[in-house]
mmCIF file of all heavy atoms, coordinates in Angstrom:
data_MODEL
# 
_entry.id   MODEL 
# 
loop_
_atom_site.group_PDB 
_atom_site.id 
_atom_site.type_symbol 
_atom_site.label_atom_id 
_atom_site.label_alt_id 
_atom_site.label_comp_id 
_atom_site.label_asym_id 
_atom_site.label_entity_id 
_atom_site.label_seq_id 
_atom_site.pdbx_PDB_ins_code 
_atom_site.Cartn_x 
_atom_site.Cartn_y 
_atom_site.Cartn_z 
_atom_site.occupancy 
_atom_site.B_iso_or_equiv 
_atom_site.pdbx_formal_charge 
_atom_site.auth_seq_id 
_atom_site.auth_comp_id 
_atom_site.auth_asym_id 
_atom_site.auth_atom_id 
_atom_site.pdbx_PDB_model_num 
ATOM 1   N N   . VAL A 1 1  ? 4.928   -3.760 -2.367 1.00 0.00 ? 1  VAL A N   1 
ATOM 2   C CA  . VAL A 1 1  ? 3.877   -2.843 -1.914 1.00 0.00 ? 1  VAL A CA  1 
ATOM 3   C C   . VAL A 1 1  ? 2.504   -3.498 -1.826 1.00 0.00 ? 1  VAL A C   1 
ATOM 4   O O   . VAL A 1 1  ? 1.704   -3.142 -0.957 1.00 0.00 ? 1  VAL A O   1 
ATOM 5   C CB  . VAL A 1 1  ? 3.781   -1.573 -2.809 1.00 0.00 ? 1  VAL A CB  1 
ATOM 6   C CG1 . VAL A 1 1  ? 5.015   -0.705 -2.649 1.00 0.00 ? 1  VAL A CG1 1 
ATOM 7   C CG2 . VAL A 1 1  ? 3.544   -1.939 -4.278 1.00 0.00 ? 1  VAL A CG2 1 
ATOM 8   N N   . HIS A 1 2  ? 2.205   -4.430 -2.700 1.00 0.00 ? 2  HIS A N   1 
ATOM 9   C CA  . HIS A 1 2  ? 0.867   -5.016 -2.704 1.00 0.00 ? 2  HIS A CA  1 
ATOM 10  C C   . HIS A 1 2  ? 0.610   -5.774 -1.404 1.00 0.00 ? 2  HIS A C   1 
ATOM 11  O O   . HIS A 1 2  ? 1.410   -6.594 -0.974 1.00 0.00 ? 2  HIS A O   1 
ATOM 12  C CB  . HIS A 1 2  ? 0.678   -5.966 -3.883 1.00 0.00 ? 2  HIS A CB  1 
ATOM 13  C CG  . HIS A 1 2  ? -0.717  -6.507 -3.948 1.00 0.00 ? 2  HIS A CG  1 
ATOM 14  N ND1 . HIS A 1 2  ? -1.781  -5.777 -4.444 1.00 0.00 ? 2  HIS A ND1 1 
ATOM 15  C CD2 . HIS A 1 2  ? -1.239  -7.688 -3.529 1.00 0.00 ? 2  HIS A CD2 1 
ATOM 16  C CE1 . HIS A 1 2  ? -2.879  -6.490 -4.340 1.00 0.00 ? 2  HIS A CE1 1 
ATOM 17  N NE2 . HIS A 1 2  ? -2.588  -7.652 -3.787 1.00 0.00 ? 2  HIS A NE2 1 
ATOM 18  N N   . GLY A 1 3  ? -0.530  -5.458 -0.793 1.00 0.00 ? 3  GLY A N   1 
ATOM 19  C CA  . GLY A 1 3  ? -0.887  -6.095 0.467  1.00 0.00 ? 3  GLY A CA  1 
ATOM 20  C C   . GLY A 1 3  ? -0.089  -5.602 1.659  1.00 0.00 ? 3  GLY A C   1 
ATOM 21  O O   . GLY A 1 3  ? -0.154  -6.188 2.739  1.00 0.00 ? 3  GLY A O   1 
ATOM 22  N N   . ARG A 1 4  ? 0.633   -4.496 1.494  1.00 0.00 ? 4  ARG A N   1 
ATOM 23  C CA  . ARG A 1 4  ? 1.506   -4.005 2.569  1.00 0.00 ? 4  ARG A CA  1 
ATOM 24  C C   . ARG A 1 4  ? 1.129   -2.599 3.031  1.00 0.00 ? 4  ARG A C   1 
ATOM 25  O O   . ARG A 1 4  ? 1.984   -1.795 3.418  1.00 0.00 ? 4  ARG A O   1 
ATOM 26  C CB  . ARG A 1 4  ? 2.964   -4.059 2.124  1.00 0.00 ? 4  ARG A CB  1 
ATOM 27  C CG  . ARG A 1 4  ? 3.419   -5.479 1.780  1.00 0.00 ? 4  ARG A CG  1 
ATOM 28  C CD  . ARG A 1 4  ? 4.909   -5.597 1.705  1.00 0.00 ? 4  ARG A CD  1 
ATOM 29  N NE  . ARG A 1 4  ? 5.349   -6.948 1.397  1.00 0.00 ? 4  ARG A NE  1 
ATOM 30  C CZ  . ARG A 1 4  ? 5.468   -7.932 2.286  1.00 0.00 ? 4  ARG A CZ  1 
ATOM 31  N NH1 . ARG A 1 4  ? 5.158   -7.706 3.554  1.00 0.00 ? 4  ARG A NH1 1 
ATOM 32  N NH2 . ARG A 1 4  ? 5.873   -9.121 1.921  1.00 0.00 ? 4  ARG A NH2 1 
ATOM 33  N N   . THR A 1 5  ? -0.142  -2.278 3.003  1.00 0.00 ? 5  THR A N   1 
ATOM 34  C CA  . THR A 1 5  ? -0.607  -0.976 3.465  1.00 0.00 ? 5  THR A CA  1 
ATOM 35  C C   . THR A 1 5  ? -0.122  -0.697 4.884  1.00 0.00 ? 5  THR A C   1 
ATOM 36  O O   . THR A 1 5  ? -0.244  -1.537 5.772  1.00 0.00 ? 5  THR A O   1 
ATOM 37  C CB  . THR A 1 5  ? -2.144  -0.918 3.449  1.00 0.00 ? 5  THR A CB  1 
ATOM 38  O OG1 . THR A 1 5  ? -2.604  -1.206 2.128  1.00 0.00 ? 5  THR A OG1 1 
ATOM 39  C CG2 . THR A 1 5  ? -2.644  0.450  3.875  1.00 0.00 ? 5  THR A CG2 1 
ATOM 40  N N   . GLY A 1 6  ? 0.449   0.499  5.081  1.00 0.00 ? 6  GLY A N   1 
ATOM 41  C CA  . GLY A 1 6  ? 0.924   0.904  6.398  1.00 0.00 ? 6  GLY A CA  1 
ATOM 42  C C   . GLY A 1 6  ? 2.355   0.501  6.696  1.00 0.00 ? 6  GLY A C   1 
ATOM 43  O O   . GLY A 1 6  ? 2.933   0.967  7.688  1.00 0.00 ? 6  GLY A O   1 
ATOM 44  N N   . GLU A 1 7  ? 2.939   -0.334 5.862  1.00 0.00 ? 7  GLU A N   1 
ATOM 45  C CA  . GLU A 1 7  ? 4.324   -0.743 6.059  1.00 0.00 ? 7  GLU A CA  1 
ATOM 46  C C   . GLU A 1 7  ? 5.259   0.214  5.327  1.00 0.00 ? 7  GLU A C   1 
ATOM 47  O O   . GLU A 1 7  ? 4.831   1.047  4.528  1.00 0.00 ? 7  GLU A O   1 
ATOM 48  C CB  . GLU A 1 7  ? 4.536   -2.176 5.565  1.00 0.00 ? 7  GLU A CB  1 
ATOM 49  C CG  . GLU A 1 7  ? 3.705   -3.213 6.303  1.00 0.00 ? 7  GLU A CG  1 
ATOM 50  C CD  . GLU A 1 7  ? 3.943   -4.623 5.798  1.00 0.00 ? 7  GLU A CD  1 
ATOM 51  O OE1 . GLU A 1 7  ? 5.026   -4.865 5.223  1.00 0.00 ? 7  GLU A OE1 1 
ATOM 52  O OE2 . GLU A 1 7  ? 3.056   -5.479 5.977  1.00 0.00 ? 7  GLU A OE2 1 
ATOM 53  N N   . ALA A 1 8  ? 6.551   0.092  5.594  1.00 0.00 ? 8  ALA A N   1 
ATOM 54  C CA  . ALA A 1 8  ? 7.537   0.960  4.951  1.00 0.00 ? 8  ALA A CA  1 
ATOM 55  C C   . ALA A 1 8  ? 7.867   0.448  3.553  1.00 0.00 ? 8  ALA A C   1 
ATOM 56  O O   . ALA A 1 8  ? 8.056   -0.752 3.338  1.00 0.00 ? 8  ALA A O   1 
ATOM 57  C CB  . ALA A 1 8  ? 8.806   1.019  5.793  1.00 0.00 ? 8  ALA A CB  1 
ATOM 58  N N   . CYS A 1 9  ? 7.920   1.365  2.597  1.00 0.00 ? 9  CYS A N   1 
ATOM 59  C CA  . CYS A 1 9  ? 8.357   1.020  1.244  1.00 0.00 ? 9  CYS A CA  1 
ATOM 60  C C   . CYS A 1 9  ? 9.796   0.512  1.314  1.00 0.00 ? 9  CYS A C   1 
ATOM 61  O O   . CYS A 1 9  ? 10.654  1.177  1.905  1.00 0.00 ? 9  CYS A O   1 
ATOM 62  C CB  . CYS A 1 9  ? 8.273   2.242  0.340  1.00 0.00 ? 9  CYS A CB  1 
ATOM 63  S SG  . CYS A 1 9  ? 9.070   2.037  -1.274 1.00 0.00 ? 9  CYS A SG  1 
ATOM 64  N N   . PRO A 1 10 ? 10.110  -0.619 0.721  1.00 0.00 ? 10 PRO A N   1 
ATOM 65  C CA  . PRO A 1 10 ? 11.465  -1.148 0.795  1.00 0.00 ? 10 PRO A CA  1 
ATOM 66  C C   . PRO A 1 10 ? 12.478  -0.344 0.002  1.00 0.00 ? 10 PRO A C   1 
ATOM 67  O O   . PRO A 1 10 ? 13.689  -0.517 0.177  1.00 0.00 ? 10 PRO A O   1 
ATOM 68  C CB  . PRO A 1 10 ? 11.317  -2.565 0.224  1.00 0.00 ? 10 PRO A CB  1 
ATOM 69  C CG  . PRO A 1 10 ? 10.125  -2.491 -0.660 1.00 0.00 ? 10 PRO A CG  1 
ATOM 70  C CD  . PRO A 1 10 ? 9.195   -1.526 -0.006 1.00 0.00 ? 10 PRO A CD  1 
ATOM 71  N N   . VAL A 1 11 ? 12.010  0.575  -0.849 1.00 0.00 ? 11 VAL A N   1 
ATOM 72  C CA  . VAL A 1 11 ? 12.917  1.387  -1.654 1.00 0.00 ? 11 VAL A CA  1 
ATOM 73  C C   . VAL A 1 11 ? 13.256  2.700  -0.959 1.00 0.00 ? 11 VAL A C   1 
ATOM 74  O O   . VAL A 1 11 ? 14.426  3.072  -0.836 1.00 0.00 ? 11 VAL A O   1 
ATOM 75  C CB  . VAL A 1 11 ? 12.314  1.664  -3.050 1.00 0.00 ? 11 VAL A CB  1 
ATOM 76  C CG1 . VAL A 1 11 ? 13.197  2.629  -3.836 1.00 0.00 ? 11 VAL A CG1 1 
ATOM 77  C CG2 . VAL A 1 11 ? 12.133  0.357  -3.813 1.00 0.00 ? 11 VAL A CG2 1 
ATOM 78  N N   . CYS A 1 12 ? 12.226  3.423  -0.481 1.00 0.00 ? 12 CYS A N   1 
ATOM 79  C CA  . CYS A 1 12 ? 12.464  4.770  0.063  1.00 0.00 ? 12 CYS A CA  1 
ATOM 80  C C   . CYS A 1 12 ? 12.104  4.919  1.532  1.00 0.00 ? 12 CYS A C   1 
ATOM 81  O O   . CYS A 1 12 ? 12.454  5.916  2.160  1.00 0.00 ? 12 CYS A O   1 
ATOM 82  C CB  . CYS A 1 12 ? 11.699  5.798  -0.755 1.00 0.00 ? 12 CYS A CB  1 
ATOM 83  S SG  . CYS A 1 12 ? 9.910   5.727  -0.487 1.00 0.00 ? 12 CYS A SG  1 
ATOM 84  N N   . GLY A 1 13 ? 11.366  3.977  2.092  1.00 0.00 ? 13 GLY A N   1 
ATOM 85  C CA  . GLY A 1 13 ? 10.986  4.044  3.506  1.00 0.00 ? 13 GLY A CA  1 
ATOM 86  C C   . GLY A 1 13 ? 9.685   4.778  3.781  1.00 0.00 ? 13 GLY A C   1 
ATOM 87  O O   . GLY A 1 13 ? 9.219   4.803  4.926  1.00 0.00 ? 13 GLY A O   1 
ATOM 88  N N   . ASP A 1 14 ? 9.078   5.383  2.756  1.00 0.00 ? 14 ASP A N   1 
ATOM 89  C CA  . ASP A 1 14 ? 7.789   6.031  2.947  1.00 0.00 ? 14 ASP A CA  1 
ATOM 90  C C   . ASP A 1 14 ? 6.733   4.970  3.280  1.00 0.00 ? 14 ASP A C   1 
ATOM 91  O O   . ASP A 1 14 ? 6.929   3.775  3.052  1.00 0.00 ? 14 ASP A O   1 
ATOM 92  C CB  . ASP A 1 14 ? 7.397   6.791  1.677  1.00 0.00 ? 14 ASP A CB  1 
ATOM 93  C CG  . ASP A 1 14 ? 6.242   7.768  1.896  1.00 0.00 ? 14 ASP A CG  1 
ATOM 94  O OD1 . ASP A 1 14 ? 5.735   7.858  3.029  1.00 0.00 ? 14 ASP A OD1 1 
ATOM 95  O OD2 . ASP A 1 14 ? 5.836   8.423  0.910  1.00 0.00 ? 14 ASP A OD2 1 
ATOM 96  N N   . THR A 1 15 ? 5.590   5.410  3.806  1.00 0.00 ? 15 THR A N   1 
ATOM 97  C CA  . THR A 1 15 ? 4.524   4.488  4.166  1.00 0.00 ? 15 THR A CA  1 
ATOM 98  C C   . THR A 1 15 ? 3.718   4.097  2.936  1.00 0.00 ? 15 THR A C   1 
ATOM 99  O O   . THR A 1 15 ? 3.272   4.958  2.166  1.00 0.00 ? 15 THR A O   1 
ATOM 100 C CB  . THR A 1 15 ? 3.587   5.133  5.200  1.00 0.00 ? 15 THR A CB  1 
ATOM 101 O OG1 . THR A 1 15 ? 4.343   5.485  6.351  1.00 0.00 ? 15 THR A OG1 1 
ATOM 102 C CG2 . THR A 1 15 ? 2.475   4.172  5.602  1.00 0.00 ? 15 THR A CG2 1 
ATOM 103 N N   . VAL A 1 16 ? 3.535   2.804  2.737  1.00 0.00 ? 16 VAL A N   1 
ATOM 104 C CA  . VAL A 1 16 ? 2.726   2.307  1.624  1.00 0.00 ? 16 VAL A CA  1 
ATOM 105 C C   . VAL A 1 16 ? 1.271   2.685  1.875  1.00 0.00 ? 16 VAL A C   1 
ATOM 106 O O   . VAL A 1 16 ? 0.727   2.458  2.954  1.00 0.00 ? 16 VAL A O   1 
ATOM 107 C CB  . VAL A 1 16 ? 2.879   0.775  1.480  1.00 0.00 ? 16 VAL A CB  1 
ATOM 108 C CG1 . VAL A 1 16 ? 1.912   0.235  0.426  1.00 0.00 ? 16 VAL A CG1 1 
ATOM 109 C CG2 . VAL A 1 16 ? 4.322   0.416  1.130  1.00 0.00 ? 16 VAL A CG2 1 
ATOM 110 N N   . ARG A 1 17 ? 0.636   3.284  0.872  1.00 0.00 ? 17 ARG A N   1 
ATOM 111 C CA  . ARG A 1 17 ? -0.758  3.721  0.974  1.00 0.00 ? 17 ARG A CA  1 
ATOM 112 C C   . ARG A 1 17 ? -1.666  2.806  0.153  1.00 0.00 ? 17 ARG A C   1 
ATOM 113 O O   . ARG A 1 17 ? -1.198  2.012  -0.657 1.00 0.00 ? 17 ARG A O   1 
ATOM 114 C CB  . ARG A 1 17 ? -0.901  5.155  0.465  1.00 0.00 ? 17 ARG A CB  1 
ATOM 115 C CG  . ARG A 1 17 ? 0.030   6.183  1.107  1.00 0.00 ? 17 ARG A CG  1 
ATOM 116 C CD  . ARG A 1 17 ? -0.352  6.513  2.516  1.00 0.00 ? 17 ARG A CD  1 
ATOM 117 N NE  . ARG A 1 17 ? 0.480   7.601  3.021  1.00 0.00 ? 17 ARG A NE  1 
ATOM 118 C CZ  . ARG A 1 17 ? 0.131   8.894  2.998  1.00 0.00 ? 17 ARG A CZ  1 
ATOM 119 N NH1 . ARG A 1 17 ? -1.030  9.261  2.493  1.00 0.00 ? 17 ARG A NH1 1 
ATOM 120 N NH2 . ARG A 1 17 ? 0.950   9.825  3.480  1.00 0.00 ? 17 ARG A NH2 1 
ATOM 121 N N   . GLU A 1 18 ? -2.971  3.012  0.337  1.00 0.00 ? 18 GLU A N   1 
ATOM 122 C CA  . GLU A 1 18 ? -3.964  2.168  -0.321 1.00 0.00 ? 18 GLU A CA  1 
ATOM 123 C C   . GLU A 1 18 ? -5.090  3.014  -0.893 1.00 0.00 ? 18 GLU A C   1 
ATOM 124 O O   . GLU A 1 18 ? -5.461  4.035  -0.319 1.00 0.00 ? 18 GLU A O   1 
ATOM 125 C CB  . GLU A 1 18 ? -4.538  1.166  0.686  1.00 0.00 ? 18 GLU A CB  1 
ATOM 126 C CG  . GLU A 1 18 ? -5.641  0.274  0.144  1.00 0.00 ? 18 GLU A CG  1 
ATOM 127 C CD  . GLU A 1 18 ? -6.080  -0.764 1.156  1.00 0.00 ? 18 GLU A CD  1 
ATOM 128 O OE1 . GLU A 1 18 ? -5.229  -1.562 1.609  1.00 0.00 ? 18 GLU A OE1 1 
ATOM 129 O OE2 . GLU A 1 18 ? -7.287  -0.770 1.497  1.00 0.00 ? 18 GLU A OE2 1 
ATOM 130 N N   . VAL A 1 19 ? -5.620  2.592  -2.019 1.00 0.00 ? 19 VAL A N   1 
ATOM 131 C CA  . VAL A 1 19 ? -6.865  3.124  -2.561 1.00 0.00 ? 19 VAL A CA  1 
ATOM 132 C C   . VAL A 1 19 ? -7.840  1.958  -2.616 1.00 0.00 ? 19 VAL A C   1 
ATOM 133 O O   . VAL A 1 19 ? -7.560  0.935  -3.239 1.00 0.00 ? 19 VAL A O   1 
ATOM 134 C CB  . VAL A 1 19 ? -6.680  3.733  -3.962 1.00 0.00 ? 19 VAL A CB  1 
ATOM 135 C CG1 . VAL A 1 19 ? -8.032  4.185  -4.523 1.00 0.00 ? 19 VAL A CG1 1 
ATOM 136 C CG2 . VAL A 1 19 ? -5.709  4.906  -3.915 1.00 0.00 ? 19 VAL A CG2 1 
ATOM 137 N N   . SER A 1 20 ? -8.979  2.118  -1.948 1.00 0.00 ? 20 SER A N   1 
ATOM 138 C CA  . SER A 1 20 ? -9.961  1.038  -1.862 1.00 0.00 ? 20 SER A CA  1 
ATOM 139 C C   . SER A 1 20 ? -11.102 1.266  -2.841 1.00 0.00 ? 20 SER A C   1 
ATOM 140 O O   . SER A 1 20 ? -11.545 2.391  -3.055 1.00 0.00 ? 20 SER A O   1 
ATOM 141 C CB  . SER A 1 20 ? -10.538 0.952  -0.445 1.00 0.00 ? 20 SER A CB  1 
ATOM 142 O OG  . SER A 1 20 ? -9.519  0.675  0.489  1.00 0.00 ? 20 SER A OG  1 
ATOM 143 N N   . PHE A 1 21 ? -11.579 0.169  -3.409 1.00 0.00 ? 21 PHE A N   1 
ATOM 144 C CA  . PHE A 1 21 ? -12.734 0.183  -4.292 1.00 0.00 ? 21 PHE A CA  1 
ATOM 145 C C   . PHE A 1 21 ? -13.777 -0.775 -3.724 1.00 0.00 ? 21 PHE A C   1 
ATOM 146 O O   . PHE A 1 21 ? -13.585 -1.340 -2.657 1.00 0.00 ? 21 PHE A O   1 
ATOM 147 C CB  . PHE A 1 21 ? -12.327 -0.214 -5.708 1.00 0.00 ? 21 PHE A CB  1 
ATOM 148 C CG  . PHE A 1 21 ? -11.283 0.692  -6.297 1.00 0.00 ? 21 PHE A CG  1 
ATOM 149 C CD1 . PHE A 1 21 ? -9.945  0.312  -6.277 1.00 0.00 ? 21 PHE A CD1 1 
ATOM 150 C CD2 . PHE A 1 21 ? -11.616 1.909  -6.845 1.00 0.00 ? 21 PHE A CD2 1 
ATOM 151 C CE1 . PHE A 1 21 ? -8.967  1.135  -6.804 1.00 0.00 ? 21 PHE A CE1 1 
ATOM 152 C CE2 . PHE A 1 21 ? -10.650 2.750  -7.376 1.00 0.00 ? 21 PHE A CE2 1 
ATOM 153 C CZ  . PHE A 1 21 ? -9.325  2.358  -7.357 1.00 0.00 ? 21 PHE A CZ  1 
ATOM 154 N N   . ALA A 1 22 ? -14.865 -0.978 -4.436 1.00 0.00 ? 22 ALA A N   1 
ATOM 155 C CA  . ALA A 1 22 ? -15.953 -1.801 -3.910 1.00 0.00 ? 22 ALA A CA  1 
ATOM 156 C C   . ALA A 1 22 ? -15.517 -3.229 -3.635 1.00 0.00 ? 22 ALA A C   1 
ATOM 157 O O   . ALA A 1 22 ? -15.894 -3.824 -2.624 1.00 0.00 ? 22 ALA A O   1 
ATOM 158 C CB  . ALA A 1 22 ? -17.128 -1.797 -4.888 1.00 0.00 ? 22 ALA A CB  1 
ATOM 159 N N   . ASP A 1 23 ? -14.718 -3.803 -4.529 1.00 0.00 ? 23 ASP A N   1 
ATOM 160 C CA  . ASP A 1 23 ? -14.355 -5.205 -4.366 1.00 0.00 ? 23 ASP A CA  1 
ATOM 161 C C   . ASP A 1 23 ? -12.861 -5.468 -4.485 1.00 0.00 ? 23 ASP A C   1 
ATOM 162 O O   . ASP A 1 23 ? -12.430 -6.606 -4.650 1.00 0.00 ? 23 ASP A O   1 
ATOM 163 C CB  . ASP A 1 23 ? -15.100 -6.072 -5.384 1.00 0.00 ? 23 ASP A CB  1 
ATOM 164 C CG  . ASP A 1 23 ? -14.804 -5.671 -6.820 1.00 0.00 ? 23 ASP A CG  1 
ATOM 165 O OD1 . ASP A 1 23 ? -14.099 -4.658 -7.029 1.00 0.00 ? 23 ASP A OD1 1 
ATOM 166 O OD2 . ASP A 1 23 ? -15.273 -6.377 -7.737 1.00 0.00 ? 23 ASP A OD2 1 
ATOM 167 N N   . SER A 1 24 ? -12.053 -4.415 -4.409 1.00 0.00 ? 24 SER A N   1 
ATOM 168 C CA  . SER A 1 24 ? -10.604 -4.593 -4.501 1.00 0.00 ? 24 SER A CA  1 
ATOM 169 C C   . SER A 1 24 ? -9.911  -3.366 -3.930 1.00 0.00 ? 24 SER A C   1 
ATOM 170 O O   . SER A 1 24 ? -10.560 -2.390 -3.538 1.00 0.00 ? 24 SER A O   1 
ATOM 171 C CB  . SER A 1 24 ? -10.164 -4.817 -5.955 1.00 0.00 ? 24 SER A CB  1 
ATOM 172 O OG  . SER A 1 24 ? -10.402 -3.651 -6.726 1.00 0.00 ? 24 SER A OG  1 
ATOM 173 N N   . ALA A 1 25 ? -8.600  -3.429 -3.877 1.00 0.00 ? 25 ALA A N   1 
ATOM 174 C CA  . ALA A 1 25 ? -7.800  -2.295 -3.413 1.00 0.00 ? 25 ALA A CA  1 
ATOM 175 C C   . ALA A 1 25 ? -6.454  -2.360 -4.111 1.00 0.00 ? 25 ALA A C   1 
ATOM 176 O O   . ALA A 1 25 ? -5.991  -3.428 -4.514 1.00 0.00 ? 25 ALA A O   1 
ATOM 177 C CB  . ALA A 1 25 ? -7.623  -2.347 -1.900 1.00 0.00 ? 25 ALA A CB  1 
ATOM 178 N N   . LEU A 1 26 ? -5.836  -1.198 -4.252 1.00 0.00 ? 26 LEU A N   1 
ATOM 179 C CA  . LEU A 1 26 ? -4.478  -1.155 -4.792 1.00 0.00 ? 26 LEU A CA  1 
ATOM 180 C C   . LEU A 1 26 ? -3.565  -0.518 -3.762 1.00 0.00 ? 26 LEU A C   1 
ATOM 181 O O   . LEU A 1 26 ? -4.013  0.253  -2.905 1.00 0.00 ? 26 LEU A O   1 
ATOM 182 C CB  . LEU A 1 26 ? -4.437  -0.397 -6.117 1.00 0.00 ? 26 LEU A CB  1 
ATOM 183 C CG  . LEU A 1 26 ? -4.740  1.108  -6.128 1.00 0.00 ? 26 LEU A CG  1 
ATOM 184 C CD1 . LEU A 1 26 ? -3.527  1.968  -5.761 1.00 0.00 ? 26 LEU A CD1 1 
ATOM 185 C CD2 . LEU A 1 26 ? -5.270  1.526  -7.497 1.00 0.00 ? 26 LEU A CD2 1 
ATOM 186 N N   . GLN A 1 27 ? -2.294  -0.855 -3.832 1.00 0.00 ? 27 GLN A N   1 
ATOM 187 C CA  . GLN A 1 27 ? -1.298  -0.269 -2.939 1.00 0.00 ? 27 GLN A CA  1 
ATOM 188 C C   . GLN A 1 27 ? -0.193  0.391  -3.764 1.00 0.00 ? 27 GLN A C   1 
ATOM 189 O O   . GLN A 1 27 ? 0.122   -0.074 -4.866 1.00 0.00 ? 27 GLN A O   1 
ATOM 190 C CB  . GLN A 1 27 ? -0.701  -1.343 -2.009 1.00 0.00 ? 27 GLN A CB  1 
ATOM 191 C CG  . GLN A 1 27 ? -1.640  -1.800 -0.898 1.00 0.00 ? 27 GLN A CG  1 
ATOM 192 C CD  . GLN A 1 27 ? -2.664  -2.811 -1.358 1.00 0.00 ? 27 GLN A CD  1 
ATOM 193 O OE1 . GLN A 1 27 ? -2.361  -3.707 -2.140 1.00 0.00 ? 27 GLN A OE1 1 
ATOM 194 N NE2 . GLN A 1 27 ? -3.888  -2.681 -0.872 1.00 0.00 ? 27 GLN A NE2 1 
# 
């Protein structure tokens, strides 16, 4: 999932989402 925003989750197929912060982001 990390660095794969907008791609399909390899486990369930849902779209990987992102939360952005000032100097980083999580997926």
